[in-house]
Amino acid sequence: KQTLRALAAGDMAAPALSQPYAYA
């Protein structure tokens, strides 16, 4: 949900997009 929200807003600085693999 965080990723989809950031993509819709074009917010490339959001953690979901700037650190997409932090869950590893």
PDBML (XML) file of the C-alpha atoms, coordinates in Angstrom:
<?xml version="1.0" encoding="UTF-8" ?>
<PDBx:datablock datablockName="MODEL"
   xmlns:PDBx="http://pdbml.pdb.org/schema/pdbx-v50.xsd"
   xmlns:xsi="http://www.w3.org/2001/XMLSchema-instance"
   xsi:schemaLocation="http://pdbml.pdb.org/schema/pdbx-v50.xsd pdbx-v50.xsd">
   <PDBx:atom_siteCategory>
      <PDBx:atom_site id="1">
         <PDBx:B_iso_or_equiv>0.00</PDBx:B_iso_or_equiv>
         <PDBx:Cartn_x>0.000</PDBx:Cartn_x>
         <PDBx:Cartn_y>0.000</PDBx:Cartn_y>
         <PDBx:Cartn_z>0.000</PDBx:Cartn_z>
         <PDBx:auth_asym_id>A</PDBx:auth_asym_id>
         <PDBx:auth_atom_id>CA</PDBx:auth_atom_id>
         <PDBx:auth_comp_id>LYS</PDBx:auth_comp_id>
         <PDBx:auth_seq_id>1</PDBx:auth_seq_id>
         <PDBx:group_PDB>ATOM</PDBx:group_PDB>
         <PDBx:label_alt_id xsi:nil="true" />
         <PDBx:label_asym_id>A</PDBx:label_asym_id>
         <PDBx:label_atom_id>CA</PDBx:label_atom_id>
         <PDBx:label_comp_id>LYS</PDBx:label_comp_id>
         <PDBx:label_entity_id>1</PDBx:label_entity_id>
         <PDBx:label_seq_id>1</PDBx:label_seq_id>
         <PDBx:occupancy>1.00</PDBx:occupancy>
         <PDBx:pdbx_PDB_model_num>1</PDBx:pdbx_PDB_model_num>
         <PDBx:type_symbol>C</PDBx:type_symbol>
      </PDBx:atom_site>
      <PDBx:atom_site id="2">
         <PDBx:B_iso_or_equiv>0.00</PDBx:B_iso_or_equiv>
         <PDBx:Cartn_x>2.863</PDBx:Cartn_x>
         <PDBx:Cartn_y>2.388</PDBx:Cartn_y>
         <PDBx:Cartn_z>0.758</PDBx:Cartn_z>
         <PDBx:auth_asym_id>A</PDBx:auth_asym_id>
         <PDBx:auth_atom_id>CA</PDBx:auth_atom_id>
         <PDBx:auth_comp_id>GLN</PDBx:auth_comp_id>
         <PDBx:auth_seq_id>2</PDBx:auth_seq_id>
         <PDBx:group_PDB>ATOM</PDBx:group_PDB>
         <PDBx:label_alt_id xsi:nil="true" />
         <PDBx:label_asym_id>A</PDBx:label_asym_id>
         <PDBx:label_atom_id>CA</PDBx:label_atom_id>
         <PDBx:label_comp_id>GLN</PDBx:label_comp_id>
         <PDBx:label_entity_id>1</PDBx:label_entity_id>
         <PDBx:label_seq_id>2</PDBx:label_seq_id>
         <PDBx:occupancy>1.00</PDBx:occupancy>
         <PDBx:pdbx_PDB_model_num>1</PDBx:pdbx_PDB_model_num>
         <PDBx:type_symbol>C</PDBx:type_symbol>
      </PDBx:atom_site>
      <PDBx:atom_site id="3">
         <PDBx:B_iso_or_equiv>0.00</PDBx:B_iso_or_equiv>
         <PDBx:Cartn_x>4.425</PDBx:Cartn_x>
         <PDBx:Cartn_y>1.626</PDBx:Cartn_y>
         <PDBx:Cartn_z>-2.631</PDBx:Cartn_z>
         <PDBx:auth_asym_id>A</PDBx:auth_asym_id>
         <PDBx:auth_atom_id>CA</PDBx:auth_atom_id>
         <PDBx:auth_comp_id>THR</PDBx:auth_comp_id>
         <PDBx:auth_seq_id>3</PDBx:auth_seq_id>
         <PDBx:group_PDB>ATOM</PDBx:group_PDB>
         <PDBx:label_alt_id xsi:nil="true" />
         <PDBx:label_asym_id>A</PDBx:label_asym_id>
         <PDBx:label_atom_id>CA</PDBx:label_atom_id>
         <PDBx:label_comp_id>THR</PDBx:label_comp_id>
         <PDBx:label_entity_id>1</PDBx:label_entity_id>
         <PDBx:label_seq_id>3</PDBx:label_seq_id>
         <PDBx:occupancy>1.00</PDBx:occupancy>
         <PDBx:pdbx_PDB_model_num>1</PDBx:pdbx_PDB_model_num>
         <PDBx:type_symbol>C</PDBx:type_symbol>
      </PDBx:atom_site>
      <PDBx:atom_site id="4">
         <PDBx:B_iso_or_equiv>0.00</PDBx:B_iso_or_equiv>
         <PDBx:Cartn_x>1.191</PDBx:Cartn_x>
         <PDBx:Cartn_y>2.115</PDBx:Cartn_y>
         <PDBx:Cartn_z>-4.565</PDBx:Cartn_z>
         <PDBx:auth_asym_id>A</PDBx:auth_asym_id>
         <PDBx:auth_atom_id>CA</PDBx:auth_atom_id>
         <PDBx:auth_comp_id>LEU</PDBx:auth_comp_id>
         <PDBx:auth_seq_id>4</PDBx:auth_seq_id>
         <PDBx:group_PDB>ATOM</PDBx:group_PDB>
         <PDBx:label_alt_id xsi:nil="true" />
         <PDBx:label_asym_id>A</PDBx:label_asym_id>
         <PDBx:label_atom_id>CA</PDBx:label_atom_id>
         <PDBx:label_comp_id>LEU</PDBx:label_comp_id>
         <PDBx:label_entity_id>1</PDBx:label_entity_id>
         <PDBx:label_seq_id>4</PDBx:label_seq_id>
         <PDBx:occupancy>1.00</PDBx:occupancy>
         <PDBx:pdbx_PDB_model_num>1</PDBx:pdbx_PDB_model_num>
         <PDBx:type_symbol>C</PDBx:type_symbol>
      </PDBx:atom_site>
      <PDBx:atom_site id="5">
         <PDBx:B_iso_or_equiv>0.00</PDBx:B_iso_or_equiv>
         <PDBx:Cartn_x>0.493</PDBx:Cartn_x>
         <PDBx:Cartn_y>5.385</PDBx:Cartn_y>
         <PDBx:Cartn_z>-2.706</PDBx:Cartn_z>
         <PDBx:auth_asym_id>A</PDBx:auth_asym_id>
         <PDBx:auth_atom_id>CA</PDBx:auth_atom_id>
         <PDBx:auth_comp_id>ARG</PDBx:auth_comp_id>
         <PDBx:auth_seq_id>5</PDBx:auth_seq_id>
         <PDBx:group_PDB>ATOM</PDBx:group_PDB>
         <PDBx:label_alt_id xsi:nil="true" />
         <PDBx:label_asym_id>A</PDBx:label_asym_id>
         <PDBx:label_atom_id>CA</PDBx:label_atom_id>
         <PDBx:label_comp_id>ARG</PDBx:label_comp_id>
         <PDBx:label_entity_id>1</PDBx:label_entity_id>
         <PDBx:label_seq_id>5</PDBx:label_seq_id>
         <PDBx:occupancy>1.00</PDBx:occupancy>
         <PDBx:pdbx_PDB_model_num>1</PDBx:pdbx_PDB_model_num>
         <PDBx:type_symbol>C</PDBx:type_symbol>
      </PDBx:atom_site>
      <PDBx:atom_site id="6">
         <PDBx:B_iso_or_equiv>0.00</PDBx:B_iso_or_equiv>
         <PDBx:Cartn_x>3.990</PDBx:Cartn_x>
         <PDBx:Cartn_y>6.715</PDBx:Cartn_y>
         <PDBx:Cartn_z>-3.404</PDBx:Cartn_z>
         <PDBx:auth_asym_id>A</PDBx:auth_asym_id>
         <PDBx:auth_atom_id>CA</PDBx:auth_atom_id>
         <PDBx:auth_comp_id>ALA</PDBx:auth_comp_id>
         <PDBx:auth_seq_id>6</PDBx:auth_seq_id>
         <PDBx:group_PDB>ATOM</PDBx:group_PDB>
         <PDBx:label_alt_id xsi:nil="true" />
         <PDBx:label_asym_id>A</PDBx:label_asym_id>
         <PDBx:label_atom_id>CA</PDBx:label_atom_id>
         <PDBx:label_comp_id>ALA</PDBx:label_comp_id>
         <PDBx:label_entity_id>1</PDBx:label_entity_id>
         <PDBx:label_seq_id>6</PDBx:label_seq_id>
         <PDBx:occupancy>1.00</PDBx:occupancy>
         <PDBx:pdbx_PDB_model_num>1</PDBx:pdbx_PDB_model_num>
         <PDBx:type_symbol>C</PDBx:type_symbol>
      </PDBx:atom_site>
      <PDBx:atom_site id="7">
         <PDBx:B_iso_or_equiv>0.00</PDBx:B_iso_or_equiv>
         <PDBx:Cartn_x>3.796</PDBx:Cartn_x>
         <PDBx:Cartn_y>5.733</PDBx:Cartn_y>
         <PDBx:Cartn_z>-7.066</PDBx:Cartn_z>
         <PDBx:auth_asym_id>A</PDBx:auth_asym_id>
         <PDBx:auth_atom_id>CA</PDBx:auth_atom_id>
         <PDBx:auth_comp_id>LEU</PDBx:auth_comp_id>
         <PDBx:auth_seq_id>7</PDBx:auth_seq_id>
         <PDBx:group_PDB>ATOM</PDBx:group_PDB>
         <PDBx:label_alt_id xsi:nil="true" />
         <PDBx:label_asym_id>A</PDBx:label_asym_id>
         <PDBx:label_atom_id>CA</PDBx:label_atom_id>
         <PDBx:label_comp_id>LEU</PDBx:label_comp_id>
         <PDBx:label_entity_id>1</PDBx:label_entity_id>
         <PDBx:label_seq_id>7</PDBx:label_seq_id>
         <PDBx:occupancy>1.00</PDBx:occupancy>
         <PDBx:pdbx_PDB_model_num>1</PDBx:pdbx_PDB_model_num>
         <PDBx:type_symbol>C</PDBx:type_symbol>
      </PDBx:atom_site>
      <PDBx:atom_site id="8">
         <PDBx:B_iso_or_equiv>0.00</PDBx:B_iso_or_equiv>
         <PDBx:Cartn_x>0.409</PDBx:Cartn_x>
         <PDBx:Cartn_y>7.441</PDBx:Cartn_y>
         <PDBx:Cartn_z>-7.468</PDBx:Cartn_z>
         <PDBx:auth_asym_id>A</PDBx:auth_asym_id>
         <PDBx:auth_atom_id>CA</PDBx:auth_atom_id>
         <PDBx:auth_comp_id>ALA</PDBx:auth_comp_id>
         <PDBx:auth_seq_id>8</PDBx:auth_seq_id>
         <PDBx:group_PDB>ATOM</PDBx:group_PDB>
         <PDBx:label_alt_id xsi:nil="true" />
         <PDBx:label_asym_id>A</PDBx:label_asym_id>
         <PDBx:label_atom_id>CA</PDBx:label_atom_id>
         <PDBx:label_comp_id>ALA</PDBx:label_comp_id>
         <PDBx:label_entity_id>1</PDBx:label_entity_id>
         <PDBx:label_seq_id>8</PDBx:label_seq_id>
         <PDBx:occupancy>1.00</PDBx:occupancy>
         <PDBx:pdbx_PDB_model_num>1</PDBx:pdbx_PDB_model_num>
         <PDBx:type_symbol>C</PDBx:type_symbol>
      </PDBx:atom_site>
      <PDBx:atom_site id="9">
         <PDBx:B_iso_or_equiv>0.00</PDBx:B_iso_or_equiv>
         <PDBx:Cartn_x>1.827</PDBx:Cartn_x>
         <PDBx:Cartn_y>10.611</PDBx:Cartn_y>
         <PDBx:Cartn_z>-5.896</PDBx:Cartn_z>
         <PDBx:auth_asym_id>A</PDBx:auth_asym_id>
         <PDBx:auth_atom_id>CA</PDBx:auth_atom_id>
         <PDBx:auth_comp_id>ALA</PDBx:auth_comp_id>
         <PDBx:auth_seq_id>9</PDBx:auth_seq_id>
         <PDBx:group_PDB>ATOM</PDBx:group_PDB>
         <PDBx:label_alt_id xsi:nil="true" />
         <PDBx:label_asym_id>A</PDBx:label_asym_id>
         <PDBx:label_atom_id>CA</PDBx:label_atom_id>
         <PDBx:label_comp_id>ALA</PDBx:label_comp_id>
         <PDBx:label_entity_id>1</PDBx:label_entity_id>
         <PDBx:label_seq_id>9</PDBx:label_seq_id>
         <PDBx:occupancy>1.00</PDBx:occupancy>
         <PDBx:pdbx_PDB_model_num>1</PDBx:pdbx_PDB_model_num>
         <PDBx:type_symbol>C</PDBx:type_symbol>
      </PDBx:atom_site>
      <PDBx:atom_site id="10">
         <PDBx:B_iso_or_equiv>0.00</PDBx:B_iso_or_equiv>
         <PDBx:Cartn_x>5.099</PDBx:Cartn_x>
         <PDBx:Cartn_y>10.422</PDBx:Cartn_y>
         <PDBx:Cartn_z>-7.839</PDBx:Cartn_z>
         <PDBx:auth_asym_id>A</PDBx:auth_asym_id>
         <PDBx:auth_atom_id>CA</PDBx:auth_atom_id>
         <PDBx:auth_comp_id>GLY</PDBx:auth_comp_id>
         <PDBx:auth_seq_id>10</PDBx:auth_seq_id>
         <PDBx:group_PDB>ATOM</PDBx:group_PDB>
         <PDBx:label_alt_id xsi:nil="true" />
         <PDBx:label_asym_id>A</PDBx:label_asym_id>
         <PDBx:label_atom_id>CA</PDBx:label_atom_id>
         <PDBx:label_comp_id>GLY</PDBx:label_comp_id>
         <PDBx:label_entity_id>1</PDBx:label_entity_id>
         <PDBx:label_seq_id>10</PDBx:label_seq_id>
         <PDBx:occupancy>1.00</PDBx:occupancy>
         <PDBx:pdbx_PDB_model_num>1</PDBx:pdbx_PDB_model_num>
         <PDBx:type_symbol>C</PDBx:type_symbol>
      </PDBx:atom_site>
      <PDBx:atom_site id="11">
         <PDBx:B_iso_or_equiv>0.00</PDBx:B_iso_or_equiv>
         <PDBx:Cartn_x>6.920</PDBx:Cartn_x>
         <PDBx:Cartn_y>10.620</PDBx:Cartn_y>
         <PDBx:Cartn_z>-4.505</PDBx:Cartn_z>
         <PDBx:auth_asym_id>A</PDBx:auth_asym_id>
         <PDBx:auth_atom_id>CA</PDBx:auth_atom_id>
         <PDBx:auth_comp_id>ASP</PDBx:auth_comp_id>
         <PDBx:auth_seq_id>11</PDBx:auth_seq_id>
         <PDBx:group_PDB>ATOM</PDBx:group_PDB>
         <PDBx:label_alt_id xsi:nil="true" />
         <PDBx:label_asym_id>A</PDBx:label_asym_id>
         <PDBx:label_atom_id>CA</PDBx:label_atom_id>
         <PDBx:label_comp_id>ASP</PDBx:label_comp_id>
         <PDBx:label_entity_id>1</PDBx:label_entity_id>
         <PDBx:label_seq_id>11</PDBx:label_seq_id>
         <PDBx:occupancy>1.00</PDBx:occupancy>
         <PDBx:pdbx_PDB_model_num>1</PDBx:pdbx_PDB_model_num>
         <PDBx:type_symbol>C</PDBx:type_symbol>
      </PDBx:atom_site>
      <PDBx:atom_site id="12">
         <PDBx:B_iso_or_equiv>0.00</PDBx:B_iso_or_equiv>
         <PDBx:Cartn_x>10.220</PDBx:Cartn_x>
         <PDBx:Cartn_y>8.965</PDBx:Cartn_y>
         <PDBx:Cartn_z>-5.348</PDBx:Cartn_z>
         <PDBx:auth_asym_id>A</PDBx:auth_asym_id>
         <PDBx:auth_atom_id>CA</PDBx:auth_atom_id>
         <PDBx:auth_comp_id>MET</PDBx:auth_comp_id>
         <PDBx:auth_seq_id>12</PDBx:auth_seq_id>
         <PDBx:group_PDB>ATOM</PDBx:group_PDB>
         <PDBx:label_alt_id xsi:nil="true" />
         <PDBx:label_asym_id>A</PDBx:label_asym_id>
         <PDBx:label_atom_id>CA</PDBx:label_atom_id>
         <PDBx:label_comp_id>MET</PDBx:label_comp_id>
         <PDBx:label_entity_id>1</PDBx:label_entity_id>
         <PDBx:label_seq_id>12</PDBx:label_seq_id>
         <PDBx:occupancy>1.00</PDBx:occupancy>
         <PDBx:pdbx_PDB_model_num>1</PDBx:pdbx_PDB_model_num>
         <PDBx:type_symbol>C</PDBx:type_symbol>
      </PDBx:atom_site>
      <PDBx:atom_site id="13">
         <PDBx:B_iso_or_equiv>0.00</PDBx:B_iso_or_equiv>
         <PDBx:Cartn_x>11.686</PDBx:Cartn_x>
         <PDBx:Cartn_y>10.082</PDBx:Cartn_y>
         <PDBx:Cartn_z>-2.002</PDBx:Cartn_z>
         <PDBx:auth_asym_id>A</PDBx:auth_asym_id>
         <PDBx:auth_atom_id>CA</PDBx:auth_atom_id>
         <PDBx:auth_comp_id>ALA</PDBx:auth_comp_id>
         <PDBx:auth_seq_id>13</PDBx:auth_seq_id>
         <PDBx:group_PDB>ATOM</PDBx:group_PDB>
         <PDBx:label_alt_id xsi:nil="true" />
         <PDBx:label_asym_id>A</PDBx:label_asym_id>
         <PDBx:label_atom_id>CA</PDBx:label_atom_id>
         <PDBx:label_comp_id>ALA</PDBx:label_comp_id>
         <PDBx:label_entity_id>1</PDBx:label_entity_id>
         <PDBx:label_seq_id>13</PDBx:label_seq_id>
         <PDBx:occupancy>1.00</PDBx:occupancy>
         <PDBx:pdbx_PDB_model_num>1</PDBx:pdbx_PDB_model_num>
         <PDBx:type_symbol>C</PDBx:type_symbol>
      </PDBx:atom_site>
      <PDBx:atom_site id="14">
         <PDBx:B_iso_or_equiv>0.00</PDBx:B_iso_or_equiv>
         <PDBx:Cartn_x>9.165</PDBx:Cartn_x>
         <PDBx:Cartn_y>8.013</PDBx:Cartn_y>
         <PDBx:Cartn_z>-0.040</PDBx:Cartn_z>
         <PDBx:auth_asym_id>A</PDBx:auth_asym_id>
         <PDBx:auth_atom_id>CA</PDBx:auth_atom_id>
         <PDBx:auth_comp_id>ALA</PDBx:auth_comp_id>
         <PDBx:auth_seq_id>14</PDBx:auth_seq_id>
         <PDBx:group_PDB>ATOM</PDBx:group_PDB>
         <PDBx:label_alt_id xsi:nil="true" />
         <PDBx:label_asym_id>A</PDBx:label_asym_id>
         <PDBx:label_atom_id>CA</PDBx:label_atom_id>
         <PDBx:label_comp_id>ALA</PDBx:label_comp_id>
         <PDBx:label_entity_id>1</PDBx:label_entity_id>
         <PDBx:label_seq_id>14</PDBx:label_seq_id>
         <PDBx:occupancy>1.00</PDBx:occupancy>
         <PDBx:pdbx_PDB_model_num>1</PDBx:pdbx_PDB_model_num>
         <PDBx:type_symbol>C</PDBx:type_symbol>
      </PDBx:atom_site>
      <PDBx:atom_site id="15">
         <PDBx:B_iso_or_equiv>0.00</PDBx:B_iso_or_equiv>
         <PDBx:Cartn_x>10.857</PDBx:Cartn_x>
         <PDBx:Cartn_y>5.132</PDBx:Cartn_y>
         <PDBx:Cartn_z>1.841</PDBx:Cartn_z>
         <PDBx:auth_asym_id>A</PDBx:auth_asym_id>
         <PDBx:auth_atom_id>CA</PDBx:auth_atom_id>
         <PDBx:auth_comp_id>PRO</PDBx:auth_comp_id>
         <PDBx:auth_seq_id>15</PDBx:auth_seq_id>
         <PDBx:group_PDB>ATOM</PDBx:group_PDB>
         <PDBx:label_alt_id xsi:nil="true" />
         <PDBx:label_asym_id>A</PDBx:label_asym_id>
         <PDBx:label_atom_id>CA</PDBx:label_atom_id>
         <PDBx:label_comp_id>PRO</PDBx:label_comp_id>
         <PDBx:label_entity_id>1</PDBx:label_entity_id>
         <PDBx:label_seq_id>15</PDBx:label_seq_id>
         <PDBx:occupancy>1.00</PDBx:occupancy>
         <PDBx:pdbx_PDB_model_num>1</PDBx:pdbx_PDB_model_num>
         <PDBx:type_symbol>C</PDBx:type_symbol>
      </PDBx:atom_site>
      <PDBx:atom_site id="16">
         <PDBx:B_iso_or_equiv>0.00</PDBx:B_iso_or_equiv>
         <PDBx:Cartn_x>8.776</PDBx:Cartn_x>
         <PDBx:Cartn_y>2.592</PDBx:Cartn_y>
         <PDBx:Cartn_z>-0.087</PDBx:Cartn_z>
         <PDBx:auth_asym_id>A</PDBx:auth_asym_id>
         <PDBx:auth_atom_id>CA</PDBx:auth_atom_id>
         <PDBx:auth_comp_id>ALA</PDBx:auth_comp_id>
         <PDBx:auth_seq_id>16</PDBx:auth_seq_id>
         <PDBx:group_PDB>ATOM</PDBx:group_PDB>
         <PDBx:label_alt_id xsi:nil="true" />
         <PDBx:label_asym_id>A</PDBx:label_asym_id>
         <PDBx:label_atom_id>CA</PDBx:label_atom_id>
         <PDBx:label_comp_id>ALA</PDBx:label_comp_id>
         <PDBx:label_entity_id>1</PDBx:label_entity_id>
         <PDBx:label_seq_id>16</PDBx:label_seq_id>
         <PDBx:occupancy>1.00</PDBx:occupancy>
         <PDBx:pdbx_PDB_model_num>1</PDBx:pdbx_PDB_model_num>
         <PDBx:type_symbol>C</PDBx:type_symbol>
      </PDBx:atom_site>
      <PDBx:atom_site id="17">
         <PDBx:B_iso_or_equiv>0.00</PDBx:B_iso_or_equiv>
         <PDBx:Cartn_x>10.512</PDBx:Cartn_x>
         <PDBx:Cartn_y>3.735</PDBx:Cartn_y>
         <PDBx:Cartn_z>-3.301</PDBx:Cartn_z>
         <PDBx:auth_asym_id>A</PDBx:auth_asym_id>
         <PDBx:auth_atom_id>CA</PDBx:auth_atom_id>
         <PDBx:auth_comp_id>LEU</PDBx:auth_comp_id>
         <PDBx:auth_seq_id>17</PDBx:auth_seq_id>
         <PDBx:group_PDB>ATOM</PDBx:group_PDB>
         <PDBx:label_alt_id xsi:nil="true" />
         <PDBx:label_asym_id>A</PDBx:label_asym_id>
         <PDBx:label_atom_id>CA</PDBx:label_atom_id>
         <PDBx:label_comp_id>LEU</PDBx:label_comp_id>
         <PDBx:label_entity_id>1</PDBx:label_entity_id>
         <PDBx:label_seq_id>17</PDBx:label_seq_id>
         <PDBx:occupancy>1.00</PDBx:occupancy>
         <PDBx:pdbx_PDB_model_num>1</PDBx:pdbx_PDB_model_num>
         <PDBx:type_symbol>C</PDBx:type_symbol>
      </PDBx:atom_site>
      <PDBx:atom_site id="18">
         <PDBx:B_iso_or_equiv>0.00</PDBx:B_iso_or_equiv>
         <PDBx:Cartn_x>13.845</PDBx:Cartn_x>
         <PDBx:Cartn_y>5.062</PDBx:Cartn_y>
         <PDBx:Cartn_z>-2.056</PDBx:Cartn_z>
         <PDBx:auth_asym_id>A</PDBx:auth_asym_id>
         <PDBx:auth_atom_id>CA</PDBx:auth_atom_id>
         <PDBx:auth_comp_id>SER</PDBx:auth_comp_id>
         <PDBx:auth_seq_id>18</PDBx:auth_seq_id>
         <PDBx:group_PDB>ATOM</PDBx:group_PDB>
         <PDBx:label_alt_id xsi:nil="true" />
         <PDBx:label_asym_id>A</PDBx:label_asym_id>
         <PDBx:label_atom_id>CA</PDBx:label_atom_id>
         <PDBx:label_comp_id>SER</PDBx:label_comp_id>
         <PDBx:label_entity_id>1</PDBx:label_entity_id>
         <PDBx:label_seq_id>18</PDBx:label_seq_id>
         <PDBx:occupancy>1.00</PDBx:occupancy>
         <PDBx:pdbx_PDB_model_num>1</PDBx:pdbx_PDB_model_num>
         <PDBx:type_symbol>C</PDBx:type_symbol>
      </PDBx:atom_site>
      <PDBx:atom_site id="19">
         <PDBx:B_iso_or_equiv>0.00</PDBx:B_iso_or_equiv>
         <PDBx:Cartn_x>14.510</PDBx:Cartn_x>
         <PDBx:Cartn_y>2.006</PDBx:Cartn_y>
         <PDBx:Cartn_z>0.138</PDBx:Cartn_z>
         <PDBx:auth_asym_id>A</PDBx:auth_asym_id>
         <PDBx:auth_atom_id>CA</PDBx:auth_atom_id>
         <PDBx:auth_comp_id>GLN</PDBx:auth_comp_id>
         <PDBx:auth_seq_id>19</PDBx:auth_seq_id>
         <PDBx:group_PDB>ATOM</PDBx:group_PDB>
         <PDBx:label_alt_id xsi:nil="true" />
         <PDBx:label_asym_id>A</PDBx:label_asym_id>
         <PDBx:label_atom_id>CA</PDBx:label_atom_id>
         <PDBx:label_comp_id>GLN</PDBx:label_comp_id>
         <PDBx:label_entity_id>1</PDBx:label_entity_id>
         <PDBx:label_seq_id>19</PDBx:label_seq_id>
         <PDBx:occupancy>1.00</PDBx:occupancy>
         <PDBx:pdbx_PDB_model_num>1</PDBx:pdbx_PDB_model_num>
         <PDBx:type_symbol>C</PDBx:type_symbol>
      </PDBx:atom_site>
      <PDBx:atom_site id="20">
         <PDBx:B_iso_or_equiv>0.00</PDBx:B_iso_or_equiv>
         <PDBx:Cartn_x>12.384</PDBx:Cartn_x>
         <PDBx:Cartn_y>-0.685</PDBx:Cartn_y>
         <PDBx:Cartn_z>-1.517</PDBx:Cartn_z>
         <PDBx:auth_asym_id>A</PDBx:auth_asym_id>
         <PDBx:auth_atom_id>CA</PDBx:auth_atom_id>
         <PDBx:auth_comp_id>PRO</PDBx:auth_comp_id>
         <PDBx:auth_seq_id>20</PDBx:auth_seq_id>
         <PDBx:group_PDB>ATOM</PDBx:group_PDB>
         <PDBx:label_alt_id xsi:nil="true" />
         <PDBx:label_asym_id>A</PDBx:label_asym_id>
         <PDBx:label_atom_id>CA</PDBx:label_atom_id>
         <PDBx:label_comp_id>PRO</PDBx:label_comp_id>
         <PDBx:label_entity_id>1</PDBx:label_entity_id>
         <PDBx:label_seq_id>20</PDBx:label_seq_id>
         <PDBx:occupancy>1.00</PDBx:occupancy>
         <PDBx:pdbx_PDB_model_num>1</PDBx:pdbx_PDB_model_num>
         <PDBx:type_symbol>C</PDBx:type_symbol>
      </PDBx:atom_site>
      <PDBx:atom_site id="21">
         <PDBx:B_iso_or_equiv>0.00</PDBx:B_iso_or_equiv>
         <PDBx:Cartn_x>14.406</PDBx:Cartn_x>
         <PDBx:Cartn_y>-3.661</PDBx:Cartn_y>
         <PDBx:Cartn_z>-0.271</PDBx:Cartn_z>
         <PDBx:auth_asym_id>A</PDBx:auth_asym_id>
         <PDBx:auth_atom_id>CA</PDBx:auth_atom_id>
         <PDBx:auth_comp_id>TYR</PDBx:auth_comp_id>
         <PDBx:auth_seq_id>21</PDBx:auth_seq_id>
         <PDBx:group_PDB>ATOM</PDBx:group_PDB>
         <PDBx:label_alt_id xsi:nil="true" />
         <PDBx:label_asym_id>A</PDBx:label_asym_id>
         <PDBx:label_atom_id>CA</PDBx:label_atom_id>
         <PDBx:label_comp_id>TYR</PDBx:label_comp_id>
         <PDBx:label_entity_id>1</PDBx:label_entity_id>
         <PDBx:label_seq_id>21</PDBx:label_seq_id>
         <PDBx:occupancy>1.00</PDBx:occupancy>
         <PDBx:pdbx_PDB_model_num>1</PDBx:pdbx_PDB_model_num>
         <PDBx:type_symbol>C</PDBx:type_symbol>
      </PDBx:atom_site>
      <PDBx:atom_site id="22">
         <PDBx:B_iso_or_equiv>0.00</PDBx:B_iso_or_equiv>
         <PDBx:Cartn_x>14.797</PDBx:Cartn_x>
         <PDBx:Cartn_y>-2.708</PDBx:Cartn_y>
         <PDBx:Cartn_z>3.388</PDBx:Cartn_z>
         <PDBx:auth_asym_id>A</PDBx:auth_asym_id>
         <PDBx:auth_atom_id>CA</PDBx:auth_atom_id>
         <PDBx:auth_comp_id>ALA</PDBx:auth_comp_id>
         <PDBx:auth_seq_id>22</PDBx:auth_seq_id>
         <PDBx:group_PDB>ATOM</PDBx:group_PDB>
         <PDBx:label_alt_id xsi:nil="true" />
         <PDBx:label_asym_id>A</PDBx:label_asym_id>
         <PDBx:label_atom_id>CA</PDBx:label_atom_id>
         <PDBx:label_comp_id>ALA</PDBx:label_comp_id>
         <PDBx:label_entity_id>1</PDBx:label_entity_id>
         <PDBx:label_seq_id>22</PDBx:label_seq_id>
         <PDBx:occupancy>1.00</PDBx:occupancy>
         <PDBx:pdbx_PDB_model_num>1</PDBx:pdbx_PDB_model_num>
         <PDBx:type_symbol>C</PDBx:type_symbol>
      </PDBx:atom_site>
      <PDBx:atom_site id="23">
         <PDBx:B_iso_or_equiv>0.00</PDBx:B_iso_or_equiv>
         <PDBx:Cartn_x>12.519</PDBx:Cartn_x>
         <PDBx:Cartn_y>-5.626</PDBx:Cartn_y>
         <PDBx:Cartn_z>4.320</PDBx:Cartn_z>
         <PDBx:auth_asym_id>A</PDBx:auth_asym_id>
         <PDBx:auth_atom_id>CA</PDBx:auth_atom_id>
         <PDBx:auth_comp_id>TYR</PDBx:auth_comp_id>
         <PDBx:auth_seq_id>23</PDBx:auth_seq_id>
         <PDBx:group_PDB>ATOM</PDBx:group_PDB>
         <PDBx:label_alt_id xsi:nil="true" />
         <PDBx:label_asym_id>A</PDBx:label_asym_id>
         <PDBx:label_atom_id>CA</PDBx:label_atom_id>
         <PDBx:label_comp_id>TYR</PDBx:label_comp_id>
         <PDBx:label_entity_id>1</PDBx:label_entity_id>
         <PDBx:label_seq_id>23</PDBx:label_seq_id>
         <PDBx:occupancy>1.00</PDBx:occupancy>
         <PDBx:pdbx_PDB_model_num>1</PDBx:pdbx_PDB_model_num>
         <PDBx:type_symbol>C</PDBx:type_symbol>
      </PDBx:atom_site>
      <PDBx:atom_site id="24">
         <PDBx:B_iso_or_equiv>0.00</PDBx:B_iso_or_equiv>
         <PDBx:Cartn_x>15.097</PDBx:Cartn_x>
         <PDBx:Cartn_y>-8.207</PDBx:Cartn_y>
         <PDBx:Cartn_z>3.128</PDBx:Cartn_z>
         <PDBx:auth_asym_id>A</PDBx:auth_asym_id>
         <PDBx:auth_atom_id>CA</PDBx:auth_atom_id>
         <PDBx:auth_comp_id>ALA</PDBx:auth_comp_id>
         <PDBx:auth_seq_id>24</PDBx:auth_seq_id>
         <PDBx:group_PDB>ATOM</PDBx:group_PDB>
         <PDBx:label_alt_id xsi:nil="true" />
         <PDBx:label_asym_id>A</PDBx:label_asym_id>
         <PDBx:label_atom_id>CA</PDBx:label_atom_id>
         <PDBx:label_comp_id>ALA</PDBx:label_comp_id>
         <PDBx:label_entity_id>1</PDBx:label_entity_id>
         <PDBx:label_seq_id>24</PDBx:label_seq_id>
         <PDBx:occupancy>1.00</PDBx:occupancy>
         <PDBx:pdbx_PDB_model_num>1</PDBx:pdbx_PDB_model_num>
         <PDBx:type_symbol>C</PDBx:type_symbol>
      </PDBx:atom_site>
   </PDBx:atom_siteCategory>
</PDBx:datablock>
